[in-house]
C-alpha atoms as a PDB file:
ATOM      1  CA  MET A   1     -23.563  -0.240 -21.517  1.00  0.00           C
ATOM      2  CA  SER A   2     -24.563  -3.698 -20.326  1.00  0.00           C
ATOM      3  CA  ALA A   3     -22.765  -5.462 -17.506  1.00  0.00           C
ATOM      4  CA  ALA A   4     -21.499  -8.056 -19.967  1.00  0.00           C
ATOM      5  CA  SER A   5     -20.033  -5.499 -22.364  1.00  0.00           C
ATOM      6  CA  SER A   6     -18.298  -3.659 -19.522  1.00  0.00           C
ATOM      7  CA  SER A   7     -16.757  -6.800 -18.020  1.00  0.00           C
ATOM      8  CA  LYS A   8     -12.991  -7.006 -18.163  1.00  0.00           C
ATOM      9  CA  LYS A   9     -10.386  -9.641 -18.779  1.00  0.00           C
ATOM     10  CA  VAL A  10      -8.029  -9.336 -15.816  1.00  0.00           C
ATOM     11  CA  ALA A  11      -4.625 -10.940 -15.278  1.00  0.00           C
ATOM     12  CA  ILE A  12      -2.653 -11.034 -12.038  1.00  0.00           C
ATOM     13  CA  VAL A  13       1.071 -11.632 -12.429  1.00  0.00           C
ATOM     14  CA  GLY A  14       2.545 -12.866  -9.161  1.00  0.00           C
ATOM     15  CA  ALA A  15      -0.740 -14.437  -8.128  1.00  0.00           C
ATOM     16  CA  THR A  16       0.748 -16.786  -5.526  1.00  0.00           C
ATOM     17  CA  GLY A  17       2.315 -14.100  -3.327  1.00  0.00           C
ATOM     18  CA  ALA A  18       0.638 -12.324  -0.420  1.00  0.00           C
ATOM     19  CA  VAL A  19      -0.339  -9.292  -2.504  1.00  0.00           C
ATOM     20  CA  GLY A  20      -1.429 -11.359  -5.490  1.00  0.00           C
ATOM     21  CA  ARG A  21      -3.754 -13.438  -3.350  1.00  0.00           C
ATOM     22  CA  GLU A  22      -5.233 -10.278  -1.849  1.00  0.00           C
ATOM     23  CA  MET A  23      -5.812  -8.875  -5.340  1.00  0.00           C
ATOM     24  CA  ILE A  24      -8.038 -11.849  -6.179  1.00  0.00           C
ATOM     25  CA  ASP A  25     -10.046 -11.299  -3.004  1.00  0.00           C
ATOM     26  CA  VAL A  26     -10.346  -7.521  -3.490  1.00  0.00           C
ATOM     27  CA  LEU A  27     -11.585  -7.865  -7.064  1.00  0.00           C
ATOM     28  CA  HIS A  28     -14.372 -10.051  -5.726  1.00  0.00           C
ATOM     29  CA  ARG A  29     -15.147  -7.971  -2.625  1.00  0.00           C
ATOM     30  CA  ARG A  30     -15.474  -4.800  -4.703  1.00  0.00           C
ATOM     31  CA  ASN A  31     -17.559  -6.483  -7.427  1.00  0.00           C
ATOM     32  CA  PHE A  32     -15.060  -5.538 -10.095  1.00  0.00           C
ATOM     33  CA  PRO A  33     -16.602  -6.653 -13.402  1.00  0.00           C
ATOM     34  CA  VAL A  34     -14.363  -9.636 -14.140  1.00  0.00           C
ATOM     35  CA  ALA A  35     -15.243 -11.498 -17.322  1.00  0.00           C
ATOM     36  CA  GLU A  36     -12.171 -13.722 -17.096  1.00  0.00           C
ATOM     37  CA  LEU A  37      -9.392 -13.967 -14.509  1.00  0.00           C
ATOM     38  CA  ARG A  38      -5.962 -15.261 -15.465  1.00  0.00           C
ATOM     39  CA  LEU A  39      -3.452 -16.079 -12.753  1.00  0.00           C
ATOM     40  CA  LEU A  40       0.214 -16.089 -13.641  1.00  0.00           C
ATOM     41  CA  ALA A  41       3.174 -17.086 -11.532  1.00  0.00           C
ATOM     42  CA  SER A  42       6.629 -18.611 -11.766  1.00  0.00           C
ATOM     43  CA  GLY A  43       7.385 -21.767 -13.689  1.00  0.00           C
ATOM     44  CA  ARG A  44       7.510 -23.834 -10.514  1.00  0.00           C
ATOM     45  CA  SER A  45       3.896 -22.896  -9.705  1.00  0.00           C
ATOM     46  CA  ALA A  46       2.551 -23.369 -13.227  1.00  0.00           C
ATOM     47  CA  GLY A  47      -0.017 -26.127 -13.508  1.00  0.00           C
ATOM     48  CA  LYS A  48      -1.211 -25.882  -9.929  1.00  0.00           C
ATOM     49  CA  VAL A  49      -4.915 -25.257  -9.436  1.00  0.00           C
ATOM     50  CA  VAL A  50      -6.061 -22.627  -6.948  1.00  0.00           C
ATOM     51  CA  GLU A  51      -9.560 -22.127  -5.609  1.00  0.00           C
ATOM     52  CA  THR A  52     -10.843 -18.566  -6.002  1.00  0.00           C
ATOM     53  CA  PRO A  53     -14.193 -16.780  -5.692  1.00  0.00           C
ATOM     54  CA  TYR A  54     -14.281 -17.134  -9.488  1.00  0.00           C
ATOM     55  CA  GLY A  55     -13.879 -20.906  -9.352  1.00  0.00           C
ATOM     56  CA  ALA A  56     -10.847 -23.147  -9.734  1.00  0.00           C
ATOM     57  CA  ILE A  57      -8.135 -21.512 -11.855  1.00  0.00           C
ATOM     58  CA  THR A  58      -4.954 -23.144 -13.136  1.00  0.00           C
ATOM     59  CA  LEU A  59      -1.782 -21.130 -12.600  1.00  0.00           C
ATOM     60  CA  GLN A  60       0.196 -20.385 -15.751  1.00  0.00           C
ATOM     61  CA  GLU A  61       3.767 -19.298 -16.270  1.00  0.00           C
ATOM     62  CA  TYR A  62       3.975 -15.672 -17.435  1.00  0.00           C
ATOM     63  CA  SER A  63       4.251 -14.870 -21.099  1.00  0.00           C
ATOM     64  CA  LEU A  64       3.272 -11.749 -23.004  1.00  0.00           C
ATOM     65  CA  ASP A  65       0.917 -13.782 -25.167  1.00  0.00           C
ATOM     66  CA  LEU A  66      -1.124 -14.699 -22.074  1.00  0.00           C
ATOM     67  CA  VAL A  67      -1.785 -11.087 -21.070  1.00  0.00           C
ATOM     68  CA  LYS A  68      -1.669  -8.939 -24.188  1.00  0.00           C
ATOM     69  CA  ASP A  69      -5.404  -9.351 -24.886  1.00  0.00           C
ATOM     70  CA  CYS A  70      -6.408  -8.496 -21.302  1.00  0.00           C
ATOM     71  CA  ASP A  71      -8.017  -5.221 -20.291  1.00  0.00           C
ATOM     72  CA  VAL A  72      -6.192  -4.954 -16.949  1.00  0.00           C
ATOM     73  CA  VAL A  73      -2.927  -6.525 -15.801  1.00  0.00           C
ATOM     74  CA  LEU A  74      -2.077  -6.272 -12.113  1.00  0.00           C
ATOM     75  CA  LEU A  75       1.604  -6.803 -11.335  1.00  0.00           C
ATOM     76  CA  ALA A  76       2.509  -8.160  -7.894  1.00  0.00           C
ATOM     77  CA  VAL A  77       6.108  -8.897  -8.811  1.00  0.00           C
ATOM     78  CA  SER A  78       9.622  -7.635  -8.228  1.00  0.00           C
ATOM     79  CA  GLY A  79      10.846  -4.345  -9.590  1.00  0.00           C
ATOM     80  CA  ASP A  80      13.279  -6.164 -11.880  1.00  0.00           C
ATOM     81  CA  PHE A  81      10.457  -8.207 -13.410  1.00  0.00           C
ATOM     82  CA  ALA A  82       8.328  -5.085 -13.810  1.00  0.00           C
ATOM     83  CA  LYS A  83      11.129  -3.176 -15.524  1.00  0.00           C
ATOM     84  CA  ALA A  84      11.694  -6.086 -17.888  1.00  0.00           C
ATOM     85  CA  HIS A  85       8.063  -6.738 -18.816  1.00  0.00           C
ATOM     86  CA  ALA A  86       5.642  -3.942 -17.850  1.00  0.00           C
ATOM     87  CA  PRO A  87       6.422  -1.556 -20.752  1.00  0.00           C
ATOM     88  CA  ALA A  88       5.861  -4.319 -23.318  1.00  0.00           C
ATOM     89  CA  ILE A  89       2.553  -5.313 -21.732  1.00  0.00           C
ATOM     90  CA  ALA A  90       1.371  -1.694 -21.708  1.00  0.00           C
ATOM     91  CA  ALA A  91       2.463  -1.220 -25.321  1.00  0.00           C
ATOM     92  CA  ALA A  92       0.245  -4.168 -26.276  1.00  0.00           C
ATOM     93  CA  GLY A  93      -2.803  -2.351 -24.928  1.00  0.00           C
ATOM     94  CA  PRO A  94      -3.742  -3.515 -21.410  1.00  0.00           C
ATOM     95  CA  LEU A  95      -3.854  -1.122 -18.482  1.00  0.00           C
ATOM     96  CA  VAL A  96      -0.883  -2.178 -16.358  1.00  0.00           C
ATOM     97  CA  ILE A  97      -0.864  -1.387 -12.637  1.00  0.00           C
ATOM     98  CA  ASP A  98       2.513  -2.130 -11.102  1.00  0.00           C
ATOM     99  CA  ASN A  99       2.861  -2.696  -7.375  1.00  0.00           C
ATOM    100  CA  SER A 100       6.671  -2.520  -7.383  1.00  0.00           C
ATOM    101  CA  SER A 101       8.840   0.581  -7.021  1.00  0.00           C
ATOM    102  CA  ALA A 102      10.159   0.278 -10.591  1.00  0.00           C
ATOM    103  CA  PHE A 103       8.279   3.232 -12.088  1.00  0.00           C
ATOM    104  CA  ARG A 104       7.078   5.293  -9.124  1.00  0.00           C
ATOM    105  CA  TYR A 105       9.635   8.057  -9.580  1.00  0.00           C
ATOM    106  CA  ASP A 106       9.340   8.356 -13.342  1.00  0.00           C
ATOM    107  CA  PRO A 107       7.723  11.766 -13.971  1.00  0.00           C
ATOM    108  CA  GLU A 108       5.949  10.380 -17.043  1.00  0.00           C
ATOM    109  CA  ILE A 109       4.216   7.571 -15.136  1.00  0.00           C
ATOM    110  CA  PRO A 110       1.277   8.413 -12.832  1.00  0.00           C
ATOM    111  CA  LEU A 111       1.560   7.414  -9.166  1.00  0.00           C
ATOM    112  CA  ILE A 112      -1.990   7.255  -7.872  1.00  0.00           C
ATOM    113  CA  VAL A 113      -3.946   6.957  -4.648  1.00  0.00           C
ATOM    114  CA  PRO A 114      -7.499   7.351  -6.010  1.00  0.00           C
ATOM    115  CA  GLU A 115      -8.936   9.105  -2.935  1.00  0.00           C
ATOM    116  CA  ILE A 116      -6.235  11.772  -3.265  1.00  0.00           C
ATOM    117  CA  ASN A 117      -5.125  12.241  -6.878  1.00  0.00           C
ATOM    118  CA  ALA A 118      -7.513  10.375  -9.164  1.00  0.00           C
ATOM    119  CA  SER A 119      -7.110  13.296 -11.572  1.00  0.00           C
ATOM    120  CA  ALA A 120      -3.631  11.952 -12.367  1.00  0.00           C
ATOM    121  CA  TYR A 121      -5.278   9.069 -14.225  1.00  0.00           C
ATOM    122  CA  ASP A 122      -4.878   9.506 -17.975  1.00  0.00           C
ATOM    123  CA  PRO A 123      -6.481   6.859 -20.235  1.00  0.00           C
ATOM    124  CA  ALA A 124      -3.686   7.404 -22.731  1.00  0.00           C
ATOM    125  CA  LYS A 125      -1.095   6.215 -20.219  1.00  0.00           C
ATOM    126  CA  ARG A 126      -1.296   2.439 -20.000  1.00  0.00           C
ATOM    127  CA  LEU A 127       1.234   1.990 -17.178  1.00  0.00           C
ATOM    128  CA  ILE A 128       0.425   3.258 -13.677  1.00  0.00           C
ATOM    129  CA  ALA A 129       2.498   2.881 -10.530  1.00  0.00           C
ATOM    130  CA  ASN A 130       0.990   1.740  -7.241  1.00  0.00           C
ATOM    131  CA  PRO A 131       2.652   3.502  -4.291  1.00  0.00           C
ATOM    132  CA  ASN A 132       4.637   2.060  -1.439  1.00  0.00           C
ATOM    133  CA  CYS A 133       2.347   0.622   1.223  1.00  0.00           C
ATOM    134  CA  THR A 134       3.488   3.055   3.923  1.00  0.00           C
ATOM    135  CA  THR A 135       2.982   6.053   1.661  1.00  0.00           C
ATOM    136  CA  ALA A 136      -0.483   4.991   0.509  1.00  0.00           C
ATOM    137  CA  ILE A 137      -1.704   4.672   4.083  1.00  0.00           C
ATOM    138  CA  ALA A 138      -0.209   8.007   5.110  1.00  0.00           C
ATOM    139  CA  VAL A 139      -1.513  10.100   2.220  1.00  0.00           C
ATOM    140  CA  VAL A 140      -5.101   8.982   2.748  1.00  0.00           C
ATOM    141  CA  ALA A 141      -4.909  11.071   5.940  1.00  0.00           C
ATOM    142  CA  LEU A 142      -2.412  13.705   4.777  1.00  0.00           C
ATOM    143  CA  GLY A 143      -4.243  14.580   1.551  1.00  0.00           C
ATOM    144  CA  PRO A 144      -7.416  15.939   3.171  1.00  0.00           C
ATOM    145  CA  LEU A 145      -5.367  17.800   5.801  1.00  0.00           C
ATOM    146  CA  HIS A 146      -3.263  19.406   3.094  1.00  0.00           C
ATOM    147  CA  LYS A 147      -6.339  20.442   1.130  1.00  0.00           C
ATOM    148  CA  ALA A 148      -7.887  22.046   4.211  1.00  0.00           C
ATOM    149  CA  PHE A 149      -4.892  23.529   6.018  1.00  0.00           C
ATOM    150  CA  GLY A 150      -1.819  23.193   3.819  1.00  0.00           C
ATOM    151  CA  LEU A 151       1.184  21.079   4.780  1.00  0.00           C
ATOM    152  CA  LYS A 152       4.502  22.717   5.590  1.00  0.00           C
ATOM    153  CA  ARG A 153       6.385  19.916   7.348  1.00  0.00           C
ATOM    154  CA  VAL A 154       5.634  16.243   8.021  1.00  0.00           C
ATOM    155  CA  ILE A 155       7.420  13.822  10.351  1.00  0.00           C
ATOM    156  CA  VAL A 156       6.478  10.146  10.182  1.00  0.00           C
ATOM    157  CA  SER A 157       7.481   7.233  12.409  1.00  0.00           C
ATOM    158  CA  THR A 158       6.248   3.870  11.186  1.00  0.00           C
ATOM    159  CA  TYR A 159       5.520   0.577  12.913  1.00  0.00           C
ATOM    160  CA  GLN A 160       5.400  -1.871  10.019  1.00  0.00           C
ATOM    161  CA  ALA A 161       4.000  -5.391  10.116  1.00  0.00           C
ATOM    162  CA  THR A 162       5.929  -8.429   8.925  1.00  0.00           C
ATOM    163  CA  SER A 163       3.558  -8.911   5.993  1.00  0.00           C
ATOM    164  CA  GLY A 164       5.231  -5.873   4.468  1.00  0.00           C
ATOM    165  CA  ALA A 165       7.926  -8.399   3.584  1.00  0.00           C
ATOM    166  CA  GLY A 166       5.374 -10.730   2.042  1.00  0.00           C
ATOM    167  CA  ALA A 167       4.133 -14.145   3.058  1.00  0.00           C
ATOM    168  CA  GLU A 168       7.699 -15.117   3.946  1.00  0.00           C
ATOM    169  CA  GLY A 169       7.856 -12.346   6.521  1.00  0.00           C
ATOM    170  CA  MET A 170       4.702 -13.501   8.262  1.00  0.00           C
ATOM    171  CA  ALA A 171       5.932 -17.098   8.214  1.00  0.00           C
ATOM    172  CA  GLU A 172       9.235 -16.083   9.798  1.00  0.00           C
ATOM    173  CA  LEU A 173       7.420 -14.218  12.579  1.00  0.00           C
ATOM    174  CA  GLU A 174       5.238 -17.239  13.356  1.00  0.00           C
ATOM    175  CA  GLU A 175       7.960 -19.878  13.133  1.00  0.00           C
ATOM    176  CA  GLN A 176      10.549 -17.973  15.115  1.00  0.00           C
ATOM    177  CA  THR A 177       8.073 -16.872  17.787  1.00  0.00           C
ATOM    178  CA  ARG A 178       7.241 -20.538  18.307  1.00  0.00           C
ATOM    179  CA  ASN A 179      10.946 -21.257  18.640  1.00  0.00           C
ATOM    180  CA  VAL A 180      11.374 -18.581  21.300  1.00  0.00           C
ATOM    181  CA  LEU A 181       8.325 -19.785  23.242  1.00  0.00           C
ATOM    182  CA  ASP A 182       9.707 -23.335  23.071  1.00  0.00           C
ATOM    183  CA  GLY A 183      13.006 -22.156  24.512  1.00  0.00           C
ATOM    184  CA  LYS A 184      14.873 -22.404  21.215  1.00  0.00           C
ATOM    185  CA  PRO A 185      16.992 -19.637  19.699  1.00  0.00           C
ATOM    186  CA  ALA A 186      15.345 -17.432  17.080  1.00  0.00           C
ATOM    187  CA  SER A 187      16.948 -17.278  13.655  1.00  0.00           C
ATOM    188  CA  ASN A 188      16.349 -14.925  10.745  1.00  0.00           C
ATOM    189  CA  SER A 189      16.514 -15.025   6.964  1.00  0.00           C
ATOM    190  CA  VAL A 190      13.848 -12.580   5.763  1.00  0.00           C
ATOM    191  CA  PHE A 191      14.744  -9.848   8.265  1.00  0.00           C
ATOM    192  CA  ARG A 192      18.159  -8.450   9.208  1.00  0.00           C
ATOM    193  CA  HIS A 193      17.691  -9.576  12.822  1.00  0.00           C
ATOM    194  CA  PRO A 194      15.340 -11.967  14.644  1.00  0.00           C
ATOM    195  CA  ILE A 195      11.851 -10.424  14.716  1.00  0.00           C
ATOM    196  CA  PRO A 196      10.073 -12.104  17.694  1.00  0.00           C
ATOM    197  CA  PHE A 197       9.681  -9.699  20.629  1.00  0.00           C
ATOM    198  CA  ASN A 198      11.939  -7.240  18.819  1.00  0.00           C
ATOM    199  CA  LEU A 199      11.829  -4.003  16.827  1.00  0.00           C
ATOM    200  CA  ILE A 200      14.134  -3.524  13.851  1.00  0.00           C
ATOM    201  CA  PRO A 201      14.775   0.096  12.816  1.00  0.00           C
ATOM    202  CA  GLN A 202      15.774  -0.900   9.303  1.00  0.00           C
ATOM    203  CA  ILE A 203      13.510  -1.603   6.319  1.00  0.00           C
ATOM    204  CA  ASP A 204      15.353  -1.839   2.992  1.00  0.00           C
ATOM    205  CA  ALA A 205      18.915  -0.666   2.390  1.00  0.00           C
ATOM    206  CA  PHE A 206      20.549   2.363   3.955  1.00  0.00           C
ATOM    207  CA  GLN A 207      21.165   5.327   1.656  1.00  0.00           C
ATOM    208  CA  ASP A 208      24.062   7.800   1.645  1.00  0.00           C
ATOM    209  CA  ASN A 209      22.031  10.267   3.763  1.00  0.00           C
ATOM    210  CA  GLY A 210      21.545   7.754   6.593  1.00  0.00           C
ATOM    211  CA  TYR A 211      17.897   7.059   5.777  1.00  0.00           C
ATOM    212  CA  THR A 212      16.743   3.708   4.449  1.00  0.00           C
ATOM    213  CA  LYS A 213      15.226   3.423   1.002  1.00  0.00           C
ATOM    214  CA  GLU A 214      11.860   2.633   2.628  1.00  0.00           C
ATOM    215  CA  GLU A 215      12.036   5.928   4.502  1.00  0.00           C
ATOM    216  CA  MET A 216      12.980   7.870   1.392  1.00  0.00           C
ATOM    217  CA  LYS A 217      10.130   6.235  -0.555  1.00  0.00           C
ATOM    218  CA  VAL A 218       7.691   7.916   1.833  1.00  0.00           C
ATOM    219  CA  THR A 219       9.298  11.289   1.145  1.00  0.00           C
ATOM    220  CA  TRP A 220       9.596  10.925  -2.621  1.00  0.00           C
ATOM    221  CA  GLU A 221       6.155   9.405  -3.172  1.00  0.00           C
ATOM    222  CA  THR A 222       4.212  11.701  -0.854  1.00  0.00           C
ATOM    223  CA  ARG A 223       5.665  14.691  -2.687  1.00  0.00           C
ATOM    224  CA  LYS A 224       4.601  13.257  -6.049  1.00  0.00           C
ATOM    225  CA  ILE A 225       1.092  12.167  -5.009  1.00  0.00           C
ATOM    226  CA  LEU A 226       0.301  15.455  -3.260  1.00  0.00           C
ATOM    227  CA  ASP A 227       2.062  17.489  -5.986  1.00  0.00           C
ATOM    228  CA  LEU A 228       4.273  19.095  -3.353  1.00  0.00           C
ATOM    229  CA  PRO A 229       7.789  18.656  -4.748  1.00  0.00           C
ATOM    230  CA  ASP A 230       9.401  20.673  -1.958  1.00  0.00           C
ATOM    231  CA  LEU A 231       7.458  19.257   1.008  1.00  0.00           C
ATOM    232  CA  ALA A 232       9.739  18.832   4.016  1.00  0.00           C
ATOM    233  CA  LEU A 233       9.131  15.248   5.122  1.00  0.00           C
ATOM    234  CA  SER A 234      11.221  12.956   7.288  1.00  0.00           C
ATOM    235  CA  CYS A 235      10.464   9.313   8.052  1.00  0.00           C
ATOM    236  CA  THR A 236      11.809   6.650  10.409  1.00  0.00           C
ATOM    237  CA  ALA A 237      10.612   3.159   9.452  1.00  0.00           C
ATOM    238  CA  VAL A 238      10.586   0.304  11.968  1.00  0.00           C
ATOM    239  CA  ARG A 239       9.643  -3.357  11.516  1.00  0.00           C
ATOM    240  CA  ILE A 240       7.568  -4.744  14.393  1.00  0.00           C
ATOM    241  CA  PRO A 241       6.419  -8.295  15.279  1.00  0.00           C
ATOM    242  CA  THR A 242       2.807  -8.119  14.076  1.00  0.00           C
ATOM    243  CA  TYR A 243       1.219  -9.998  11.178  1.00  0.00           C
ATOM    244  CA  ARG A 244      -0.392  -7.235   9.162  1.00  0.00           C
ATOM    245  CA  ALA A 245      -1.519  -3.590   9.092  1.00  0.00           C
ATOM    246  CA  HIS A 246       1.071  -0.844   9.322  1.00  0.00           C
ATOM    247  CA  SER A 247       0.837   1.890  11.945  1.00  0.00           C
ATOM    248  CA  GLU A 248       2.234   5.405  11.662  1.00  0.00           C
ATOM    249  CA  ALA A 249       2.699   8.250  14.109  1.00  0.00           C
ATOM    250  CA  ILE A 250       2.486  11.427  12.050  1.00  0.00           C
ATOM    251  CA  THR A 251       3.302  15.001  13.048  1.00  0.00           C
ATOM    252  CA  VAL A 252       2.331  17.815  10.693  1.00  0.00           C
ATOM    253  CA  GLU A 253       3.052  21.504  10.679  1.00  0.00           C
ATOM    254  CA  THR A 254       0.343  23.294   8.731  1.00  0.00           C
ATOM    255  CA  ILE A 255       0.347  26.544   6.781  1.00  0.00           C
ATOM    256  CA  GLN A 256      -3.056  27.619   8.097  1.00  0.00           C
ATOM    257  CA  PRO A 257      -4.041  27.413  11.762  1.00  0.00           C
ATOM    258  CA  VAL A 258      -5.549  24.062  12.706  1.00  0.00           C
ATOM    259  CA  THR A 259      -7.363  22.597  15.696  1.00  0.00           C
ATOM    260  CA  PRO A 260      -7.999  18.941  16.510  1.00  0.00           C
ATOM    261  CA  ASP A 261     -11.758  19.472  16.117  1.00  0.00           C
ATOM    262  CA  ALA A 262     -11.292  21.072  12.711  1.00  0.00           C
ATOM    263  CA  ALA A 263      -9.058  18.200  11.648  1.00  0.00           C
ATOM    264  CA  ARG A 264     -11.621  15.660  12.883  1.00  0.00           C
ATOM    265  CA  ARG A 265     -14.343  17.338  10.830  1.00  0.00           C
ATOM    266  CA  VAL A 266     -12.180  17.171   7.716  1.00  0.00           C
ATOM    267  CA  LEU A 267     -11.122  13.571   8.271  1.00  0.00           C
ATOM    268  CA  SER A 268     -14.609  12.355   9.182  1.00  0.00           C
ATOM    269  CA  ASP A 269     -15.719  13.237   5.641  1.00  0.00           C
ATOM    270  CA  ALA A 270     -12.560  12.040   3.897  1.00  0.00           C
ATOM    271  CA  PRO A 271     -12.910   9.048   1.551  1.00  0.00           C
ATOM    272  CA  GLY A 272     -11.020   5.985   2.700  1.00  0.00           C
ATOM    273  CA  VAL A 273     -10.703   7.258   6.282  1.00  0.00           C
ATOM    274  CA  LYS A 274     -12.355   5.789   9.366  1.00  0.00           C
ATOM    275  CA  LEU A 275     -12.160   8.323  12.189  1.00  0.00           C
ATOM    276  CA  THR A 276     -11.248   6.268  15.255  1.00  0.00           C
ATOM    277  CA  ASP A 277     -10.683   8.888  17.903  1.00  0.00           C
ATOM    278  CA  ASP A 278     -12.226   8.477  21.344  1.00  0.00           C
ATOM    279  CA  PRO A 279      -9.190   7.954  23.600  1.00  0.00           C
ATOM    280  CA  ALA A 280     -11.188   8.292  26.829  1.00  0.00           C
ATOM    281  CA  ASN A 281     -12.971   5.079  25.890  1.00  0.00           C
ATOM    282  CA  GLY A 282      -9.912   3.338  24.518  1.00  0.00           C
ATOM    283  CA  VAL A 283     -10.863   3.964  20.907  1.00  0.00           C
ATOM    284  CA  TYR A 284      -7.908   4.672  18.636  1.00  0.00           C
ATOM    285  CA  PRO A 285      -6.293   3.064  15.596  1.00  0.00           C
ATOM    286  CA  MET A 286      -4.747  -0.361  16.142  1.00  0.00           C
ATOM    287  CA  PRO A 287      -3.415  -2.903  13.647  1.00  0.00           C
ATOM    288  CA  LEU A 288      -5.613  -5.631  15.092  1.00  0.00           C
ATOM    289  CA  ASN A 289      -8.717  -3.661  14.101  1.00  0.00           C
ATOM    290  CA  ALA A 290      -7.376  -2.280  10.818  1.00  0.00           C
ATOM    291  CA  SER A 291      -6.397  -5.726   9.508  1.00  0.00           C
ATOM    292  CA  GLY A 292      -8.687  -6.835   6.711  1.00  0.00           C
ATOM    293  CA  GLN A 293     -10.362  -3.425   6.468  1.00  0.00           C
ATOM    294  CA  PHE A 294     -10.429  -1.219   3.374  1.00  0.00           C
ATOM    295  CA  ASP A 295     -10.449   2.077   5.291  1.00  0.00           C
ATOM    296  CA  VAL A 296      -7.467   3.629   7.043  1.00  0.00           C
ATOM    297  CA  GLU A 297      -8.071   4.286  10.732  1.00  0.00           C
ATOM    298  CA  VAL A 298      -7.058   7.744  11.972  1.00  0.00           C
ATOM    299  CA  GLY A 299      -7.121   8.890  15.605  1.00  0.00           C
ATOM    300  CA  ARG A 300      -5.154  10.226  18.592  1.00  0.00           C
ATOM    301  CA  ILE A 301      -5.615  13.650  16.976  1.00  0.00           C
ATOM    302  CA  ARG A 302      -4.171  16.389  19.173  1.00  0.00           C
ATOM    303  CA  THR A 303      -2.415  19.735  19.027  1.00  0.00           C
ATOM    304  CA  ASN A 304       1.311  19.278  18.594  1.00  0.00           C
ATOM    305  CA  LEU A 305       3.203  20.857  21.488  1.00  0.00           C
ATOM    306  CA  VAL A 306       6.027  22.048  19.226  1.00  0.00           C
ATOM    307  CA  PHE A 307       4.049  23.674  16.412  1.00  0.00           C
ATOM    308  CA  GLY A 308       1.103  24.835  18.523  1.00  0.00           C
ATOM    309  CA  ASP A 309      -1.900  26.109  16.592  1.00  0.00           C
ATOM    310  CA  HIS A 310      -0.168  25.194  13.331  1.00  0.00           C
ATOM    311  CA  GLY A 311       0.526  21.607  14.291  1.00  0.00           C
ATOM    312  CA  LEU A 312      -1.120  18.235  14.803  1.00  0.00           C
ATOM    313  CA  ASP A 313      -0.150  14.785  15.981  1.00  0.00           C
ATOM    314  CA  LEU A 314      -2.152  11.811  14.775  1.00  0.00           C
ATOM    315  CA  PHE A 315      -1.923   8.028  14.678  1.00  0.00           C
ATOM    316  CA  VAL A 316      -2.818   6.036  11.580  1.00  0.00           C
ATOM    317  CA  CYS A 317      -3.328   2.316  10.935  1.00  0.00           C
ATOM    318  CA  GLY A 318      -3.993   0.683   7.590  1.00  0.00           C
ATOM    319  CA  ASP A 319      -3.832  -2.782   6.142  1.00  0.00           C
ATOM    320  CA  GLN A 320      -0.776  -2.585   3.917  1.00  0.00           C
ATOM    321  CA  LEU A 321      -1.782  -5.676   1.939  1.00  0.00           C
ATOM    322  CA  LEU A 322      -5.052  -3.871   1.118  1.00  0.00           C
ATOM    323  CA  LYS A 323      -4.865  -0.069   1.011  1.00  0.00           C
ATOM    324  CA  GLY A 324      -1.108  -0.345   0.817  1.00  0.00           C
ATOM    325  CA  ALA A 325      -1.166  -2.704  -2.151  1.00  0.00           C
ATOM    326  CA  ALA A 326      -4.027  -4.819  -3.521  1.00  0.00           C
ATOM    327  CA  LEU A 327      -6.954  -2.527  -2.761  1.00  0.00           C
ATOM    328  CA  ASN A 328      -5.243   0.559  -4.129  1.00  0.00           C
ATOM    329  CA  ALA A 329      -4.338  -1.301  -7.326  1.00  0.00           C
ATOM    330  CA  VAL A 330      -7.942  -2.391  -7.882  1.00  0.00           C
ATOM    331  CA  GLN A 331      -9.184   1.131  -7.111  1.00  0.00           C
ATOM    332  CA  ILE A 332      -6.869   2.414  -9.850  1.00  0.00           C
ATOM    333  CA  ALA A 333      -8.341  -0.150 -12.232  1.00  0.00           C
ATOM    334  CA  GLU A 334     -11.804   1.105 -11.286  1.00  0.00           C
ATOM    335  CA  LEU A 335     -10.853   4.541 -12.612  1.00  0.00           C
ATOM    336  CA  ALA A 336     -10.799   2.987 -16.070  1.00  0.00           C
ATOM    337  CA  LEU A 337     -14.332   1.545 -15.863  1.00  0.00           C
END
């Protein structure tokens, strides 16, 4: 097949948001065979021209007619929009990859992290869910460990960047930090509390069990991606005042005995993982280094003092706008090439 015949018409719905902009960049960085790129946004953005690696493209207001002849449609929109429009787009023929939570828990719709469960891709299913950013980053490390040693229990504590709340979250961090440094009071609209020099142990709404929905997403989605419906997994999710790249402290109890060296060997060969584990020389995962990178950094690997030779502690950092969103979506589209 020639390059021309394999090129794809691609549409991005929600192209002006943080994730949508990253999708444009990732398509180009990964040399995805784009024959034509259509950028769709809200009515107030329609008509504006944006510069892209594919040239200047005029934003258009979404309609089914504008996407139904595409090969791939990437959705970087709200769950409500996805529920209202994604099934109709998929029924028209395009492969639809939805970045919202609208379809992640539907047993009929694949939820895919290509390094871990690419086998879940079925060409007959035209709608695929992209996982929550925190989950995607975690399972890149957890998947290889489960394959090698088996997972019995997982405890996750997250340190999530403001870009997890989109471009508005990053803007609020910058603006309100400037206010604090200028001696002015910090206000908040995107986050529940002021974010500068603060940590907020709430992301999304609290559920009846005392966990937030963000925390439960990690449990529900990890179980589905790893095909471990009964995996015992608990998460505490915290918003921190950084721009981008989420960090996660992960404790695992394994079924088979495990050592840090054995885990390092497994992770050093794992796709999508960058082993960053030389603490004596100050080498370990950090959001500053993980930002803008495709791979997930994994380090601080050590025997867990509670679970002994069946336990590990590790620290993970990944760019949630990339592996947690745009990159993973494009990788799913690559499965269809």
